[in-house]
C-alpha atoms as a PDB file:
ATOM      1  CA  MET A   1     -33.308  -9.374   1.813  1.00  0.00           C
ATOM      2  CA  LYS A   2     -34.505  -6.181   3.335  1.00  0.00           C
ATOM      3  CA  ILE A   3     -33.259  -2.797   3.915  1.00  0.00           C
ATOM      4  CA  ARG A   4     -34.021  -1.226   7.032  1.00  0.00           C
ATOM      5  CA  LYS A   5     -32.477   1.670   9.232  1.00  0.00           C
ATOM      6  CA  ALA A   6     -29.646   0.561  11.513  1.00  0.00           C
ATOM      7  CA  THR A   7     -29.859   0.064  15.262  1.00  0.00           C
ATOM      8  CA  LEU A   8     -27.392  -0.103  18.042  1.00  0.00           C
ATOM      9  CA  LYS A   9     -27.389  -3.870  17.767  1.00  0.00           C
ATOM     10  CA  ASP A  10     -25.980  -3.602  14.351  1.00  0.00           C
ATOM     11  CA  VAL A  11     -22.789  -1.804  15.155  1.00  0.00           C
ATOM     12  CA  LYS A  12     -20.568  -4.673  15.416  1.00  0.00           C
ATOM     13  CA  GLU A  13     -21.497  -6.178  12.193  1.00  0.00           C
ATOM     14  CA  ILE A  14     -21.313  -2.801  10.344  1.00  0.00           C
ATOM     15  CA  ASN A  15     -17.866  -2.419  11.924  1.00  0.00           C
ATOM     16  CA  LYS A  16     -16.666  -6.120  10.616  1.00  0.00           C
ATOM     17  CA  LEU A  17     -17.985  -5.222   7.248  1.00  0.00           C
ATOM     18  CA  ILE A  18     -16.269  -1.790   7.042  1.00  0.00           C
ATOM     19  CA  ASP A  19     -13.142  -3.290   8.625  1.00  0.00           C
ATOM     20  CA  ASN A  20     -12.905  -5.766   6.019  1.00  0.00           C
ATOM     21  CA  TYR A  21     -12.620  -3.197   3.145  1.00  0.00           C
ATOM     22  CA  SER A  22     -10.503  -0.642   5.187  1.00  0.00           C
ATOM     23  CA  LYS A  23      -7.816  -3.305   5.549  1.00  0.00           C
ATOM     24  CA  LYS A  24      -7.655  -3.242   1.969  1.00  0.00           C
ATOM     25  CA  GLY A  25      -7.220   0.258   1.790  1.00  0.00           C
ATOM     26  CA  LEU A  26     -10.564   0.770  -0.102  1.00  0.00           C
ATOM     27  CA  MET A  27     -12.288   2.515   2.785  1.00  0.00           C
ATOM     28  CA  LEU A  28     -11.926   4.688   5.935  1.00  0.00           C
ATOM     29  CA  TYR A  29     -11.939   2.709   8.993  1.00  0.00           C
ATOM     30  CA  ARG A  30     -14.679   3.377  11.488  1.00  0.00           C
ATOM     31  CA  THR A  31     -14.550   2.612  15.174  1.00  0.00           C
ATOM     32  CA  CYS A  32     -17.834   1.084  16.996  1.00  0.00           C
ATOM     33  CA  THR A  33     -17.908   4.217  18.920  1.00  0.00           C
ATOM     34  CA  GLU A  34     -17.920   6.307  15.773  1.00  0.00           C
ATOM     35  CA  ILE A  35     -20.425   4.295  14.408  1.00  0.00           C
ATOM     36  CA  GLU A  36     -22.729   4.472  17.499  1.00  0.00           C
ATOM     37  CA  ARG A  37     -22.389   8.204  17.385  1.00  0.00           C
ATOM     38  CA  ASN A  38     -23.688   8.316  13.762  1.00  0.00           C
ATOM     39  CA  ILE A  39     -26.118   5.151  13.777  1.00  0.00           C
ATOM     40  CA  ARG A  40     -28.903   7.300  12.576  1.00  0.00           C
ATOM     41  CA  ASP A  41     -26.862   7.777   9.218  1.00  0.00           C
ATOM     42  CA  TYR A  42     -26.843   3.985   8.540  1.00  0.00           C
ATOM     43  CA  PHE A  43     -29.024   1.684   6.683  1.00  0.00           C
ATOM     44  CA  VAL A  44     -28.324  -2.146   6.806  1.00  0.00           C
ATOM     45  CA  SER A  45     -29.330  -4.923   4.342  1.00  0.00           C
ATOM     46  CA  GLU A  46     -30.290  -7.875   6.254  1.00  0.00           C
ATOM     47  CA  TYR A  47     -30.823 -11.432   4.886  1.00  0.00           C
ATOM     48  CA  ARG A  48     -32.240 -14.200   7.209  1.00  0.00           C
ATOM     49  CA  ASN A  49     -31.571 -12.117  10.221  1.00  0.00           C
ATOM     50  CA  LYS A  50     -28.058 -11.463   9.280  1.00  0.00           C
ATOM     51  CA  VAL A  51     -26.526  -8.192   8.334  1.00  0.00           C
ATOM     52  CA  ILE A  52     -24.916  -8.491   5.016  1.00  0.00           C
ATOM     53  CA  GLY A  53     -24.588  -4.945   3.710  1.00  0.00           C
ATOM     54  CA  ASN A  54     -24.542  -1.187   5.006  1.00  0.00           C
ATOM     55  CA  CYS A  55     -24.668   2.142   3.883  1.00  0.00           C
ATOM     56  CA  ALA A  56     -24.827   5.539   5.545  1.00  0.00           C
ATOM     57  CA  LEU A  57     -26.156   9.029   4.643  1.00  0.00           C
ATOM     58  CA  ARG A  58     -24.879  12.037   6.144  1.00  0.00           C
ATOM     59  CA  VAL A  59     -26.375  15.400   5.602  1.00  0.00           C
ATOM     60  CA  TRP A  60     -23.553  18.280   5.642  1.00  0.00           C
ATOM     61  CA  SER A  61     -26.228  21.154   5.082  1.00  0.00           C
ATOM     62  CA  LYS A  62     -29.645  21.557   3.258  1.00  0.00           C
ATOM     63  CA  LYS A  63     -27.399  21.872   0.269  1.00  0.00           C
ATOM     64  CA  SER A  64     -25.347  18.783   0.565  1.00  0.00           C
ATOM     65  CA  SER A  65     -25.346  15.098   1.936  1.00  0.00           C
ATOM     66  CA  GLU A  66     -22.858  12.165   1.411  1.00  0.00           C
ATOM     67  CA  ILE A  67     -23.387   8.554   0.954  1.00  0.00           C
ATOM     68  CA  TYR A  68     -20.576   6.810   2.772  1.00  0.00           C
ATOM     69  CA  GLY A  69     -19.633   3.543   4.451  1.00  0.00           C
ATOM     70  CA  LEU A  70     -21.119   1.246   1.767  1.00  0.00           C
ATOM     71  CA  ALA A  71     -19.881  -2.373   2.435  1.00  0.00           C
ATOM     72  CA  VAL A  72     -21.359  -5.521   1.281  1.00  0.00           C
ATOM     73  CA  ASN A  73     -20.415  -8.828   2.575  1.00  0.00           C
ATOM     74  CA  SER A  74     -18.224 -10.643  -0.238  1.00  0.00           C
ATOM     75  CA  GLU A  75     -20.676 -13.740  -0.281  1.00  0.00           C
ATOM     76  CA  TYR A  76     -23.368 -11.320  -1.309  1.00  0.00           C
ATOM     77  CA  MET A  77     -21.497  -9.264  -3.914  1.00  0.00           C
ATOM     78  CA  ASN A  78     -23.039  -8.686  -7.278  1.00  0.00           C
ATOM     79  CA  LYS A  79     -26.570  -9.451  -5.869  1.00  0.00           C
ATOM     80  CA  GLY A  80     -28.059  -5.948  -5.887  1.00  0.00           C
ATOM     81  CA  VAL A  81     -27.092  -5.555  -2.019  1.00  0.00           C
ATOM     82  CA  GLY A  82     -24.987  -2.319  -2.704  1.00  0.00           C
ATOM     83  CA  SER A  83     -27.623  -0.941  -5.363  1.00  0.00           C
ATOM     84  CA  ARG A  84     -30.510  -1.214  -3.074  1.00  0.00           C
ATOM     85  CA  LEU A  85     -28.688   0.634  -0.156  1.00  0.00           C
ATOM     86  CA  ILE A  86     -27.372   3.333  -2.489  1.00  0.00           C
ATOM     87  CA  LYS A  87     -31.160   3.749  -3.574  1.00  0.00           C
ATOM     88  CA  GLU A  88     -32.323   3.689  -0.025  1.00  0.00           C
ATOM     89  CA  CYS A  89     -29.812   6.757   0.636  1.00  0.00           C
ATOM     90  CA  ILE A  90     -31.006   8.544  -2.349  1.00  0.00           C
ATOM     91  CA  LYS A  91     -34.596   8.389  -1.293  1.00  0.00           C
ATOM     92  CA  GLU A  92     -33.639   9.370   2.207  1.00  0.00           C
ATOM     93  CA  ALA A  93     -31.858  12.373   0.897  1.00  0.00           C
ATOM     94  CA  LYS A  94     -34.799  13.524  -1.388  1.00  0.00           C
ATOM     95  CA  LYS A  95     -37.190  12.994   1.391  1.00  0.00           C
ATOM     96  CA  LEU A  96     -35.305  15.235   3.847  1.00  0.00           C
ATOM     97  CA  GLY A  97     -35.261  17.950   0.991  1.00  0.00           C
ATOM     98  CA  VAL A  98     -31.434  17.996   0.545  1.00  0.00           C
ATOM     99  CA  GLU A  99     -30.389  19.705  -2.880  1.00  0.00           C
ATOM    100  CA  SER A 100     -27.512  17.418  -3.949  1.00  0.00           C
ATOM    101  CA  ILE A 101     -25.751  14.312  -2.894  1.00  0.00           C
ATOM    102  CA  PHE A 102     -22.026  13.054  -3.277  1.00  0.00           C
ATOM    103  CA  THR A 103     -19.767  10.221  -2.595  1.00  0.00           C
ATOM    104  CA  LEU A 104     -16.193   9.667  -2.272  1.00  0.00           C
ATOM    105  CA  THR A 105     -15.519   6.061  -3.884  1.00  0.00           C
ATOM    106  CA  PHE A 106     -13.389   3.693  -5.627  1.00  0.00           C
ATOM    107  CA  LYS A 107     -16.391   2.337  -7.397  1.00  0.00           C
ATOM    108  CA  GLY A 108     -17.493   5.365  -9.495  1.00  0.00           C
ATOM    109  CA  SER A 109     -19.004   3.076 -12.166  1.00  0.00           C
ATOM    110  CA  LEU A 110     -21.669   1.748  -9.510  1.00  0.00           C
ATOM    111  CA  PHE A 111     -22.643   5.159  -8.579  1.00  0.00           C
ATOM    112  CA  GLU A 112     -23.021   6.404 -12.204  1.00  0.00           C
ATOM    113  CA  GLN A 113     -25.573   3.883 -12.777  1.00  0.00           C
ATOM    114  CA  PHE A 114     -27.709   5.906 -10.547  1.00  0.00           C
ATOM    115  CA  GLY A 115     -26.890   9.454 -12.184  1.00  0.00           C
ATOM    116  CA  PHE A 116     -23.604  10.297 -10.400  1.00  0.00           C
ATOM    117  CA  LYS A 117     -21.120  12.194 -12.335  1.00  0.00           C
ATOM    118  CA  LYS A 118     -17.439  13.065 -11.409  1.00  0.00           C
ATOM    119  CA  ILE A 119     -17.313  16.273  -9.590  1.00  0.00           C
ATOM    120  CA  LYS A 120     -14.539  18.735  -8.680  1.00  0.00           C
ATOM    121  CA  LEU A 121     -13.245  19.072  -5.186  1.00  0.00           C
ATOM    122  CA  ARG A 122     -14.688  22.792  -5.249  1.00  0.00           C
ATOM    123  CA  ASP A 123     -18.303  21.271  -5.334  1.00  0.00           C
ATOM    124  CA  LEU A 124     -17.843  19.385  -1.849  1.00  0.00           C
ATOM    125  CA  PRO A 125     -18.698  21.405   1.256  1.00  0.00           C
ATOM    126  CA  LYS A 126     -15.616  22.490   2.787  1.00  0.00           C
ATOM    127  CA  VAL A 127     -16.361  20.858   6.162  1.00  0.00           C
ATOM    128  CA  VAL A 128     -15.721  17.361   4.500  1.00  0.00           C
ATOM    129  CA  PHE A 129     -11.990  18.337   4.187  1.00  0.00           C
ATOM    130  CA  THR A 130     -11.768  18.699   7.848  1.00  0.00           C
ATOM    131  CA  GLU A 131     -12.473  14.930   8.531  1.00  0.00           C
ATOM    132  CA  LYS A 132     -10.752  13.307   5.589  1.00  0.00           C
ATOM    133  CA  THR A 133      -8.459  13.599   2.731  1.00  0.00           C
ATOM    134  CA  VAL A 134     -10.174  13.883  -0.552  1.00  0.00           C
ATOM    135  CA  ASP A 135      -8.857  12.396  -3.915  1.00  0.00           C
ATOM    136  CA  VAL A 136     -10.284  14.245  -6.735  1.00  0.00           C
ATOM    137  CA  ASP A 137     -10.439  11.132  -8.686  1.00  0.00           C
ATOM    138  CA  LYS A 138     -12.904   9.638  -6.069  1.00  0.00           C
ATOM    139  CA  ALA A 139     -15.380  12.440  -6.065  1.00  0.00           C
ATOM    140  CA  TYR A 140     -18.733  11.677  -7.478  1.00  0.00           C
ATOM    141  CA  GLY A 141     -22.121  13.758  -7.213  1.00  0.00           C
ATOM    142  CA  MET A 142     -25.576  14.671  -8.455  1.00  0.00           C
ATOM    143  CA  LYS A 143     -28.161  17.243  -7.976  1.00  0.00           C
ATOM    144  CA  LEU A 144     -31.614  16.067  -6.456  1.00  0.00           C
ATOM    145  CA  LYS A 145     -33.398  19.204  -7.134  1.00  0.00           C
END
């Protein structure tokens, strides 16, 4: 299994993975057009030339970034795919010099393994609220600097 930056050829597979979770109400749906526009945010996990997981890092400002769009093919759940994708996003945020990172997730315990803690909504960049509805119980974050 390898982790790499996503390319436009990965858009349909990323969309398919996200769609599986969004249909269950576990993730926001992303259109192929939206994924294309933000392709530079995405990392994919690839196994035998097949995309088996994806995750994205959005930089909101020099102070804050967000991990979003974490989705793993059900056949590869609990095999470290999601963890490796999260690590790659954290590494990228540090490399970019972002001060903190957050996520909005139903899987808080997964992110807690990497040092994330529950945070208050006031700790999120205000611009986040223009894009999505935010549930206080789903916000996790950590300082990188």
